[in-house]
Amino acid sequence: MTRHEGASPPPGHGTPASDGEQVSRLNQGFSFRAAFSMAFADVSPIVALYAIFTLGLFAAGPAFLWAFPVVLAGQLLVALVFGELASRWPYAGSVYQWARHVRGTSWGWVAAWAYSWGLTLALSTLAYGAAGFLLPAVGVSDPSHTATTGTAIAILAAGSITNMVGRTVLKVMVVASIACEIIGSVGLSTVLLLFHRVNPVHVLFDGFGTQSAGSWLGGPMLIAVAYVGWSFVGFEAAGSIAEEVDKPERNVPKAIILSLLCVAAIVMYSSIALVLSIPHLDKVMAAKTGDPVTDTLVTQFGSGIGRPLLVLFVIGFLSSFLAVQAAVSRCLWASARDNALPVSRRLEKLAGPERLPVNAIALTGVVAAVFVLLSGSNLYGALVNFTTMGFQIAFAVPVVGAAVTRLRGKWQPGAFSLGRWGTPVTLLAALWTIAQTINIAWPRASMGDTWYLRWSMILTTAVLTVLGAVVFAAVRGRIRRPLADRLTTTGPADSTPPASAVPAIDLRRESA
């Protein structure tokens, strides 16, 4: 008999496993709405837009916007596969659990290693970015590097405490920040389109001479696809908190897919509005300097928009920080629960009335603070480039693993199923993740003036691979069986444990 995977143990207790050990489980405290909000906030529309708009515009001209539907199509394939994996194994840790259960321990460990490093580095950039907007918002016109660094560390501390306090505080802050983001992003974009459009629609198809650097589709457009890829990640965060979500086998897949679609819609809408509202677009493209986002908003709305705009950016970066930290801390905690890390006993501990992984949360904050202290150095620039690479590797491992399992005829669906479309969608998603990983890692002049910055993604991946191999070799012999096997009374410890007891949802019947 299989234990219902959506259930949560009583506070303060573990779940009896087949061999008599107590398996620690996180309490449920998130609804579908909360899971959606967490995934939506992980890469907020404001952060996503501000991070890639200028890079994409200067790389391929206004026509870089056509990279959005390309990347969205690829990431939607990934989200659908993640939906099936999350429904099959609705456990804390997302990519770690999915990769391990679908293909085995080494696959799961690689996914967790890349994910943990990538997201922890992202925490440092989010905190530093929030500090860069917060100080001018409170009147510090020209903050020093020391002031920005100190503020970033304070933000790390405050955000970590928020994640440790409890799910209620986290949910309120994330939902409130999302409301502000949507109102700000959609509201400003709508006003721009209605009252401040200065460029004709046909500029959306103009590369403004960027094609002279080579084939427009083969050169600048591929760079734009690499940049835009950063905008459409984070939807897997709903899977990271799966154990804490009510009816996760149904709600988590919906949250993963819907959050991606909503973020993509807002980012694309805002980008179109900005491109059509940039004054003297030809001069901006000729100079390829400055900050077109802020400059356009200040020009169109006046200098009075400055401070509210900064506050909006702060809210976006802070909400993203909270969601990213919640996601990466659950991945670390899930790995520690399986005894897959050197300090597992400490990291797997749950504390407080809501039984939260406070040690895992604290570790992400401390490591991110160390990275913040390196900010401004070439080493930091090289490390930050791994943020996107970490996401890509962590996404590719479970997707490729799912593709291999399907090709071997060993896939068993969960409550959310793509039916007969499952195999082609999974294979296309695997091809997409591999192609996009290569595209992002490809050394380009736009990645830095020096050779080690251009090759930074490959170099940091190589270094972390060697380090990871050493750590994995040290812990491999003591890693516990996959969680699904420990929660059942029967079944071998292999990569395809028994399916969930919840009846499968076939999309063919759902859409009929």
Protein backbone atom coordinates (compact mmCIF):
# COMPACT_ATOMS: atom_id res chain seq x y z
CA MET A 1 0.00 0.00 0.00
CA THR A 2 1.36 3.42 -0.94
CA ARG A 3 1.16 6.31 1.44
CA HIS A 4 -0.79 9.30 0.08
CA GLU A 5 2.04 11.60 -1.02
CA GLY A 6 0.13 14.81 -0.46
CA ALA A 7 -0.30 14.20 3.26
CA SER A 8 1.78 15.95 5.87
CA PRO A 9 2.85 14.60 9.23
CA PRO A 10 1.64 16.15 12.47
CA PRO A 11 3.85 18.97 13.78
CA GLY A 12 6.88 17.66 15.57
CA HIS A 13 6.68 14.18 14.11
CA GLY A 14 8.22 12.36 11.20
CA THR A 15 6.61 9.87 8.88
CA PRO A 16 7.19 6.17 9.58
CA ALA A 17 9.21 4.58 6.79
CA SER A 18 9.24 0.96 5.72
CA ASP A 19 12.42 0.19 7.62
CA GLY A 20 11.23 1.79 10.85
CA GLU A 21 13.11 5.09 10.56
CA GLN A 22 11.34 8.40 10.92
CA VAL A 23 11.29 10.44 7.69
CA SER A 24 11.13 14.14 8.44
CA ARG A 25 8.46 16.01 6.45
CA LEU A 26 7.69 19.69 6.17
CA ASN A 27 4.31 20.92 7.38
CA GLN A 28 1.71 21.98 4.87
CA GLY A 29 1.06 25.70 4.98
CA PHE A 30 0.77 26.82 1.37
CA SER A 31 -2.28 26.82 -0.88
CA PHE A 32 -2.27 26.80 -4.69
CA ARG A 33 -2.31 30.58 -4.60
CA ALA A 34 0.75 30.68 -2.35
CA ALA A 35 2.62 28.18 -4.54
CA PHE A 36 1.80 30.25 -7.63
CA SER A 37 2.90 33.44 -5.86
CA MET A 38 6.20 31.88 -4.82
CA ALA A 39 6.97 30.76 -8.37
CA PHE A 40 5.84 34.10 -9.82
CA ALA A 41 8.02 36.04 -7.40
CA ASP A 42 11.08 33.83 -7.89
CA VAL A 43 11.89 35.71 -11.08
CA SER A 44 9.72 38.78 -10.77
CA PRO A 45 8.65 40.58 -13.97
CA ILE A 46 10.46 43.70 -12.79
CA VAL A 47 13.74 41.89 -12.11
CA ALA A 48 13.45 39.88 -15.32
CA LEU A 49 12.77 42.97 -17.42
CA TYR A 50 15.41 45.18 -15.86
CA ALA A 51 18.04 42.42 -16.02
CA ILE A 52 17.75 41.60 -19.72
CA PHE A 53 16.05 44.50 -21.55
CA THR A 54 19.14 46.63 -22.13
CA LEU A 55 21.33 43.62 -22.94
CA GLY A 56 18.84 42.27 -25.48
CA LEU A 57 18.17 45.70 -27.03
CA PHE A 58 21.84 46.46 -27.58
CA ALA A 59 22.58 42.93 -28.82
CA ALA A 60 19.86 42.58 -31.46
CA GLY A 61 17.96 45.85 -31.60
CA PRO A 62 14.23 46.14 -30.85
CA ALA A 63 13.75 42.90 -32.79
CA PHE A 64 15.21 41.07 -29.78
CA LEU A 65 11.60 40.94 -28.60
CA TRP A 66 11.07 37.99 -30.95
CA ALA A 67 13.39 36.00 -28.74
CA PHE A 68 10.63 36.05 -26.10
CA PRO A 69 8.18 33.70 -27.88
CA VAL A 70 11.07 31.40 -28.84
CA VAL A 71 12.26 31.07 -25.25
CA LEU A 72 8.72 30.90 -23.90
CA ALA A 73 7.93 27.97 -26.20
CA GLY A 74 11.03 26.11 -25.01
CA GLN A 75 10.47 26.85 -21.34
CA LEU A 76 6.81 25.92 -21.57
CA LEU A 77 7.90 22.46 -22.72
CA VAL A 78 10.15 22.30 -19.65
CA ALA A 79 7.33 23.50 -17.38
CA LEU A 80 5.02 20.78 -18.69
CA VAL A 81 7.65 18.12 -17.98
CA PHE A 82 8.22 19.61 -14.53
CA GLY A 83 4.47 19.47 -13.96
CA GLU A 84 4.49 15.72 -14.60
CA LEU A 85 7.56 15.19 -12.43
CA ALA A 86 6.18 17.33 -9.59
CA SER A 87 2.89 15.43 -9.68
CA ARG A 88 4.73 12.12 -9.61
CA TRP A 89 7.08 13.10 -6.78
CA PRO A 90 5.64 16.10 -4.85
CA TYR A 91 8.52 16.41 -2.41
CA ALA A 92 10.61 19.36 -1.23
CA GLY A 93 13.60 20.11 -3.42
CA SER A 94 12.12 20.21 -6.96
CA VAL A 95 14.90 19.43 -9.47
CA TYR A 96 16.82 17.34 -6.91
CA GLN A 97 13.88 15.06 -6.16
CA TRP A 98 12.75 14.82 -9.77
CA ALA A 99 16.19 13.96 -11.15
CA ARG A 100 16.94 11.47 -8.37
CA HIS A 101 13.66 9.61 -8.56
CA VAL A 102 13.53 9.49 -12.33
CA ARG A 103 17.16 8.46 -12.96
CA GLY A 104 19.01 7.80 -9.72
CA THR A 105 21.16 9.27 -6.96
CA SER A 106 23.99 10.71 -9.05
CA TRP A 107 21.57 12.54 -11.37
CA GLY A 108 19.73 14.06 -8.43
CA TRP A 109 22.94 15.11 -6.74
CA VAL A 110 24.21 16.89 -9.88
CA ALA A 111 20.92 18.77 -10.23
CA ALA A 112 20.98 19.82 -6.57
CA TRP A 113 24.63 20.89 -6.72
CA ALA A 114 24.12 23.14 -9.78
CA TYR A 115 20.81 24.49 -8.46
CA SER A 116 22.17 25.32 -5.00
CA TRP A 117 25.20 27.21 -6.32
CA GLY A 118 23.25 29.02 -9.02
CA LEU A 119 20.48 30.21 -6.72
CA THR A 120 22.76 31.14 -3.83
CA LEU A 121 24.77 33.33 -6.21
CA ALA A 122 21.47 34.79 -7.39
CA LEU A 123 20.67 35.75 -3.79
CA SER A 124 23.81 37.88 -3.65
CA THR A 125 22.98 39.67 -6.91
CA LEU A 126 19.38 40.26 -5.82
CA ALA A 127 20.45 41.68 -2.46
CA TYR A 128 23.10 43.87 -4.08
CA GLY A 129 20.64 45.05 -6.73
CA ALA A 130 18.00 45.86 -4.10
CA ALA A 131 20.59 47.85 -2.14
CA GLY A 132 21.54 49.79 -5.25
CA PHE A 133 17.94 50.96 -5.64
CA LEU A 134 17.09 51.30 -1.94
CA LEU A 135 19.80 53.80 -1.05
CA PRO A 136 18.86 56.37 -3.73
CA ALA A 137 15.19 55.83 -2.84
CA VAL A 138 15.88 57.00 0.73
CA GLY A 139 17.93 60.00 -0.40
CA VAL A 140 21.49 58.69 -0.72
CA SER A 141 22.32 60.16 -4.09
CA ASP A 142 25.76 58.68 -4.69
CA PRO A 143 26.24 55.67 -2.38
CA SER A 144 29.73 54.28 -1.96
CA HIS A 145 30.59 50.66 -2.62
CA THR A 146 30.94 50.13 1.12
CA ALA A 147 27.47 51.56 1.78
CA THR A 148 25.91 49.42 -0.95
CA THR A 149 27.67 46.29 0.25
CA GLY A 150 26.65 46.92 3.87
CA THR A 151 23.05 47.51 2.85
CA ALA A 152 23.04 44.33 0.75
CA ILE A 153 24.24 42.29 3.72
CA ALA A 154 21.54 43.88 5.88
CA ILE A 155 18.97 42.90 3.26
CA LEU A 156 20.32 39.35 3.29
CA ALA A 157 19.93 39.22 7.06
CA ALA A 158 16.43 40.69 7.05
CA GLY A 159 15.29 38.42 4.21
CA SER A 160 16.70 35.33 5.91
CA ILE A 161 14.91 36.20 9.15
CA THR A 162 11.66 36.67 7.21
CA ASN A 163 12.02 33.21 5.70
CA MET A 164 12.74 31.76 9.16
CA VAL A 165 9.85 33.43 10.98
CA GLY A 166 7.07 31.46 9.35
CA ARG A 167 5.07 30.79 6.22
CA THR A 168 2.38 33.34 7.04
CA VAL A 169 4.80 36.28 7.07
CA LEU A 170 6.45 35.01 3.91
CA LYS A 171 3.13 34.60 2.10
CA VAL A 172 1.92 38.08 3.07
CA MET A 173 5.13 39.76 1.94
CA VAL A 174 5.32 37.86 -1.34
CA VAL A 175 1.66 38.43 -2.23
CA ALA A 176 1.86 42.15 -1.34
CA SER A 177 4.99 42.62 -3.40
CA ILE A 178 3.45 40.79 -6.35
CA ALA A 179 0.42 43.07 -6.24
CA CYS A 180 2.71 46.09 -6.35
CA GLU A 181 4.71 44.58 -9.20
CA ILE A 182 1.68 43.81 -11.33
CA ILE A 183 0.12 47.21 -10.76
CA GLY A 184 3.42 48.95 -11.41
CA SER A 185 4.50 46.91 -14.45
CA VAL A 186 1.17 46.61 -16.21
CA GLY A 187 0.02 50.09 -15.18
CA LEU A 188 3.15 51.91 -16.38
CA SER A 189 3.25 49.89 -19.59
CA THR A 190 -0.38 50.64 -20.39
CA VAL A 191 0.10 54.36 -19.85
CA LEU A 192 3.20 54.30 -22.04
CA LEU A 193 1.33 52.60 -24.87
CA LEU A 194 -1.70 54.87 -24.65
CA PHE A 195 -0.08 58.25 -24.14
CA HIS A 196 3.68 58.10 -24.71
CA ARG A 197 4.30 55.94 -27.78
CA VAL A 198 6.83 57.67 -30.01
CA ASN A 199 8.02 54.84 -32.28
CA PRO A 200 6.08 53.07 -35.06
CA VAL A 201 5.20 49.43 -34.63
CA HIS A 202 7.51 48.34 -37.44
CA VAL A 203 10.58 49.07 -35.25
CA LEU A 204 9.75 45.83 -33.45
CA PHE A 205 11.16 44.07 -36.51
CA ASP A 206 14.26 46.28 -36.82
CA GLY A 207 17.71 45.05 -35.81
CA PHE A 208 19.20 48.56 -36.19
CA GLY A 209 22.32 47.29 -37.90
CA THR A 210 23.12 44.52 -35.42
CA GLN A 211 22.84 42.03 -38.27
CA SER A 212 26.08 43.48 -39.67
CA ALA A 213 27.91 41.55 -36.95
CA GLY A 214 26.87 38.36 -38.77
CA SER A 215 23.70 36.53 -39.63
CA TRP A 216 20.89 38.19 -37.66
CA LEU A 217 19.35 34.86 -36.68
CA GLY A 218 22.67 33.10 -36.24
CA GLY A 219 24.43 35.81 -34.27
CA PRO A 220 22.62 38.63 -32.42
CA MET A 221 19.38 36.71 -32.16
CA LEU A 222 21.05 33.77 -30.46
CA ILE A 223 22.60 36.17 -27.99
CA ALA A 224 19.14 37.64 -27.34
CA VAL A 225 17.74 34.13 -26.79
CA ALA A 226 20.51 33.52 -24.25
CA TYR A 227 19.69 36.75 -22.40
CA VAL A 228 15.92 36.24 -22.49
CA GLY A 229 16.40 32.76 -21.06
CA TRP A 230 17.17 34.36 -17.71
CA SER A 231 13.71 35.96 -17.67
CA PHE A 232 11.82 32.69 -17.82
CA VAL A 233 13.25 30.67 -14.95
CA GLY A 234 11.98 30.37 -11.40
CA PHE A 235 8.70 28.61 -12.11
CA GLU A 236 10.19 25.45 -10.59
CA ALA A 237 10.07 27.17 -7.17
CA ALA A 238 6.53 25.88 -6.72
CA GLY A 239 8.02 22.39 -6.82
CA SER A 240 10.65 23.25 -4.23
CA ILE A 241 7.93 23.81 -1.63
CA ALA A 242 5.74 20.92 -2.84
CA GLU A 243 5.56 19.17 0.55
CA GLU A 244 4.19 22.37 2.06
CA VAL A 245 1.41 22.76 -0.54
CA ASP A 246 -2.11 21.44 -0.14
CA LYS A 247 -2.83 18.65 -2.67
CA PRO A 248 0.60 19.15 -4.29
CA GLU A 249 0.18 16.45 -6.93
CA ARG A 250 -2.48 18.67 -8.54
CA ASN A 251 -1.74 22.21 -7.35
CA VAL A 252 2.03 22.31 -7.93
CA PRO A 253 1.89 21.46 -11.68
CA LYS A 254 -0.75 24.15 -12.19
CA ALA A 255 1.33 26.69 -10.24
CA ILE A 256 4.47 25.87 -12.25
CA ILE A 257 2.81 26.31 -15.64
CA LEU A 258 0.58 29.28 -14.79
CA SER A 259 3.39 31.27 -13.13
CA LEU A 260 5.58 30.92 -16.24
CA LEU A 261 2.77 32.08 -18.54
CA CYS A 262 1.88 35.05 -16.33
CA VAL A 263 5.47 36.26 -15.91
CA ALA A 264 6.11 35.87 -19.63
CA ALA A 265 2.98 37.81 -20.56
CA ILE A 266 3.87 40.74 -18.28
CA VAL A 267 7.53 40.86 -19.34
CA MET A 268 6.68 40.77 -23.05
CA TYR A 269 3.94 43.38 -22.67
CA SER A 270 6.24 45.70 -20.70
CA SER A 271 9.09 45.23 -23.18
CA ILE A 272 6.92 46.13 -26.16
CA ALA A 273 5.66 49.22 -24.35
CA LEU A 274 9.20 50.33 -23.52
CA VAL A 275 10.55 49.82 -27.05
CA LEU A 276 7.71 51.83 -28.56
CA SER A 277 8.26 54.63 -26.01
CA ILE A 278 12.05 55.10 -26.19
CA PRO A 279 12.77 58.67 -27.35
CA HIS A 280 15.35 58.96 -30.16
CA LEU A 281 15.66 55.21 -30.53
CA ASP A 282 18.16 55.55 -33.37
CA LYS A 283 20.53 57.54 -31.15
CA VAL A 284 20.14 55.08 -28.28
CA MET A 285 21.04 52.20 -30.59
CA ALA A 286 23.99 54.10 -32.04
CA ALA A 287 25.41 54.92 -28.59
CA LYS A 288 24.55 51.60 -26.91
CA THR A 289 25.21 53.10 -23.50
CA GLY A 290 23.17 54.10 -20.51
CA ASP A 291 19.98 52.66 -19.04
CA PRO A 292 17.14 52.80 -21.60
CA VAL A 293 14.56 51.56 -19.07
CA THR A 294 15.09 54.28 -16.48
CA ASP A 295 15.87 56.97 -19.05
CA THR A 296 12.65 56.28 -20.94
CA LEU A 297 10.46 56.32 -17.85
CA VAL A 298 12.04 59.53 -16.52
CA THR A 299 11.73 61.23 -19.93
CA GLN A 300 8.10 60.24 -20.42
CA PHE A 301 6.84 60.74 -16.87
CA GLY A 302 9.20 63.42 -15.59
CA SER A 303 11.79 63.37 -12.83
CA GLY A 304 9.03 62.89 -10.25
CA ILE A 305 8.79 59.25 -11.30
CA GLY A 306 12.31 58.65 -10.08
CA ARG A 307 11.72 57.77 -6.45
CA PRO A 308 8.51 55.74 -6.93
CA LEU A 309 10.32 53.86 -9.70
CA LEU A 310 13.19 53.05 -7.37
CA VAL A 311 10.75 51.81 -4.73
CA LEU A 312 9.11 49.60 -7.36
CA PHE A 313 12.49 48.11 -8.27
CA VAL A 314 13.27 47.49 -4.59
CA ILE A 315 9.97 45.65 -4.13
CA GLY A 316 10.64 43.50 -7.19
CA PHE A 317 14.15 42.55 -6.08
CA LEU A 318 13.08 41.83 -2.50
CA SER A 319 10.15 39.61 -3.48
CA SER A 320 12.40 37.70 -5.82
CA PHE A 321 14.99 37.33 -3.06
CA LEU A 322 12.47 35.84 -0.62
CA ALA A 323 11.17 33.33 -3.15
CA VAL A 324 14.63 32.31 -4.38
CA GLN A 325 15.87 31.75 -0.85
CA ALA A 326 12.80 29.68 0.02
CA ALA A 327 13.43 27.52 -3.06
CA VAL A 328 17.17 26.95 -2.60
CA SER A 329 16.86 26.32 1.14
CA ARG A 330 14.32 23.53 0.47
CA CYS A 331 16.69 21.96 -2.04
CA LEU A 332 19.51 21.99 0.51
CA TRP A 333 17.22 20.65 3.23
CA ALA A 334 15.93 17.85 0.99
CA SER A 335 19.50 16.85 0.13
CA ALA A 336 20.43 16.89 3.82
CA ARG A 337 17.39 14.76 4.70
CA ASP A 338 18.84 12.13 2.37
CA ASN A 339 22.23 12.52 4.08
CA ALA A 340 23.70 13.75 0.78
CA LEU A 341 25.69 16.71 2.17
CA PRO A 342 28.74 16.89 4.49
CA VAL A 343 26.78 18.69 7.23
CA SER A 344 23.47 16.90 6.75
CA ARG A 345 22.62 16.47 10.44
CA ARG A 346 22.59 20.20 11.00
CA LEU A 347 20.96 21.18 7.72
CA GLU A 348 18.08 18.69 8.00
CA LYS A 349 16.93 20.07 11.36
CA LEU A 350 13.54 21.77 11.50
CA ALA A 351 12.83 24.45 14.09
CA GLY A 352 10.05 26.66 15.35
CA PRO A 353 6.31 26.07 15.58
CA GLU A 354 6.07 25.75 11.80
CA ARG A 355 9.05 23.35 11.56
CA LEU A 356 11.08 25.32 9.04
CA PRO A 357 14.59 24.46 7.74
CA VAL A 358 16.20 27.40 9.53
CA ASN A 359 19.77 26.10 9.29
CA ALA A 360 19.49 25.64 5.53
CA ILE A 361 18.01 29.14 5.22
CA ALA A 362 20.82 30.59 7.35
CA LEU A 363 23.48 28.84 5.27
CA THR A 364 22.20 30.35 2.02
CA GLY A 365 22.23 33.80 3.64
CA VAL A 366 25.78 33.43 4.95
CA VAL A 367 27.21 32.12 1.67
CA ALA A 368 25.41 34.84 -0.30
CA ALA A 369 26.89 37.43 2.09
CA VAL A 370 30.38 36.12 1.32
CA PHE A 371 29.68 36.58 -2.37
CA VAL A 372 28.41 40.11 -1.75
CA LEU A 373 31.72 40.96 -0.08
CA LEU A 374 33.40 39.95 -3.36
CA SER A 375 31.19 42.29 -5.38
CA GLY A 376 33.03 44.64 -7.68
CA SER A 377 35.86 42.17 -8.30
CA ASN A 378 36.48 40.20 -11.49
CA LEU A 379 36.00 37.01 -9.50
CA TYR A 380 32.50 38.09 -8.55
CA GLY A 381 31.70 38.88 -12.17
CA ALA A 382 32.83 35.42 -13.20
CA LEU A 383 30.83 33.76 -10.41
CA VAL A 384 27.65 35.72 -11.16
CA ASN A 385 27.69 34.41 -14.72
CA PHE A 386 27.19 30.93 -13.27
CA THR A 387 23.77 31.98 -11.96
CA THR A 388 22.14 31.36 -15.32
CA MET A 389 24.31 28.32 -15.98
CA GLY A 390 23.29 26.77 -12.66
CA PHE A 391 19.63 27.10 -13.59
CA GLN A 392 20.21 25.58 -17.02
CA ILE A 393 22.11 22.54 -15.75
CA ALA A 394 19.60 21.98 -12.96
CA PHE A 395 16.75 22.14 -15.49
CA ALA A 396 18.43 19.94 -18.07
CA VAL A 397 19.29 17.05 -15.73
CA PRO A 398 15.73 16.03 -14.70
CA VAL A 399 14.30 16.78 -18.17
CA VAL A 400 16.91 14.67 -19.96
CA GLY A 401 16.45 12.03 -17.25
CA ALA A 402 12.71 11.97 -17.88
CA ALA A 403 13.35 11.64 -21.62
CA VAL A 404 15.65 8.64 -21.07
CA THR A 405 13.10 6.99 -18.78
CA ARG A 406 10.33 7.47 -21.35
CA LEU A 407 12.46 6.05 -24.16
CA ARG A 408 13.07 2.97 -22.01
CA GLY A 409 9.34 2.58 -21.46
CA LYS A 410 9.56 2.91 -17.66
CA TRP A 411 7.57 6.11 -17.11
CA GLN A 412 4.56 5.95 -14.79
CA PRO A 413 2.32 9.05 -14.67
CA GLY A 414 1.15 10.87 -11.59
CA ALA A 415 -2.03 12.88 -11.06
CA PHE A 416 -1.03 15.35 -13.78
CA SER A 417 -0.36 13.64 -17.11
CA LEU A 418 0.24 14.80 -20.67
CA GLY A 419 -1.11 11.51 -21.94
CA ARG A 420 0.13 10.53 -25.40
CA TRP A 421 1.79 13.93 -25.76
CA GLY A 422 4.10 13.20 -22.85
CA THR A 423 6.90 11.53 -24.81
CA PRO A 424 7.20 14.06 -27.68
CA VAL A 425 6.95 16.99 -25.27
CA THR A 426 9.63 15.52 -23.00
CA LEU A 427 11.99 14.80 -25.91
CA LEU A 428 11.57 18.31 -27.32
CA ALA A 429 12.11 19.79 -23.85
CA ALA A 430 15.33 17.78 -23.49
CA LEU A 431 16.63 19.02 -26.83
CA TRP A 432 15.70 22.59 -25.88
CA THR A 433 17.50 22.49 -22.51
CA ILE A 434 20.65 21.07 -24.11
CA ALA A 435 20.65 23.64 -26.94
CA GLN A 436 19.96 26.56 -24.60
CA THR A 437 22.66 25.45 -22.16
CA ILE A 438 25.22 25.43 -24.99
CA ASN A 439 23.94 28.79 -26.26
CA ILE A 440 24.23 30.41 -22.82
CA ALA A 441 27.67 28.97 -22.10
CA TRP A 442 29.12 29.94 -25.48
CA PRO A 443 31.98 32.44 -24.93
CA ARG A 444 31.11 35.80 -26.48
CA ALA A 445 32.68 39.23 -26.42
CA SER A 446 29.46 40.62 -24.89
CA MET A 447 30.18 38.63 -21.71
CA GLY A 448 33.27 40.68 -20.83
CA ASP A 449 36.38 42.43 -22.07
CA THR A 450 38.78 39.77 -20.81
CA TRP A 451 39.12 36.15 -21.84
CA TYR A 452 38.32 34.74 -18.41
CA LEU A 453 35.00 36.61 -18.28
CA ARG A 454 34.06 35.37 -21.74
CA TRP A 455 34.89 31.82 -20.69
CA SER A 456 33.63 32.29 -17.13
CA MET A 457 30.59 30.01 -17.42
CA ILE A 458 32.67 27.13 -18.71
CA LEU A 459 35.46 27.77 -16.21
CA THR A 460 33.18 28.06 -13.17
CA THR A 461 31.24 25.00 -14.29
CA ALA A 462 34.48 23.04 -14.58
CA VAL A 463 35.71 24.16 -11.15
CA LEU A 464 32.38 23.41 -9.46
CA THR A 465 32.23 20.05 -11.25
CA VAL A 466 35.59 19.03 -9.81
CA LEU A 467 34.62 20.30 -6.35
CA GLY A 468 31.27 18.54 -6.61
CA ALA A 469 32.91 15.26 -7.61
CA VAL A 470 35.07 15.40 -4.50
CA VAL A 471 32.12 16.14 -2.21
CA PHE A 472 29.92 13.49 -3.84
CA ALA A 473 32.62 10.86 -3.49
CA ALA A 474 32.85 11.69 0.23
CA VAL A 475 29.11 11.37 0.91
CA ARG A 476 27.95 8.83 -1.67
CA GLY A 477 28.33 5.78 0.54
CA ARG A 478 26.00 7.11 3.23
CA ILE A 479 23.23 8.64 1.10
CA ARG A 480 19.84 7.24 2.07
CA ARG A 481 17.41 5.59 -0.29
CA PRO A 482 15.14 7.82 -2.42
CA LEU A 483 12.35 9.37 -0.38
CA ALA A 484 9.57 7.63 -2.31
CA ASP A 485 11.04 4.26 -1.37
CA ARG A 486 11.33 5.20 2.29
CA LEU A 487 7.68 6.26 2.38
CA THR A 488 6.37 2.94 1.09
CA THR A 489 6.16 -0.50 2.63
CA THR A 490 6.92 -2.29 -0.62
CA GLY A 491 8.91 -1.76 -3.76
CA PRO A 492 12.62 -1.83 -4.60
CA ALA A 493 14.86 1.21 -4.28
CA ASP A 494 15.11 1.99 -7.98
CA SER A 495 14.55 5.03 -10.14
CA THR A 496 10.88 4.28 -10.85
CA PRO A 497 9.00 3.87 -7.56
CA PRO A 498 5.28 3.11 -7.51
CA ALA A 499 3.02 5.83 -8.85
CA SER A 500 0.99 8.09 -6.60
CA ALA A 501 -2.27 6.69 -5.30
CA VAL A 502 -4.08 9.72 -6.76
CA PRO A 503 -5.86 8.94 -10.06
CA ALA A 504 -4.09 10.38 -13.07
CA ILE A 505 -5.44 13.37 -14.95
CA ASP A 506 -5.21 12.82 -18.71
CA LEU A 507 -5.14 16.15 -20.57
CA ARG A 508 -6.93 14.57 -23.52
CA ARG A 509 -9.98 13.87 -21.40
CA GLU A 510 -9.66 17.19 -19.56
CA SER A 511 -9.83 19.16 -22.78
CA ALA A 512 -12.61 17.11 -24.35
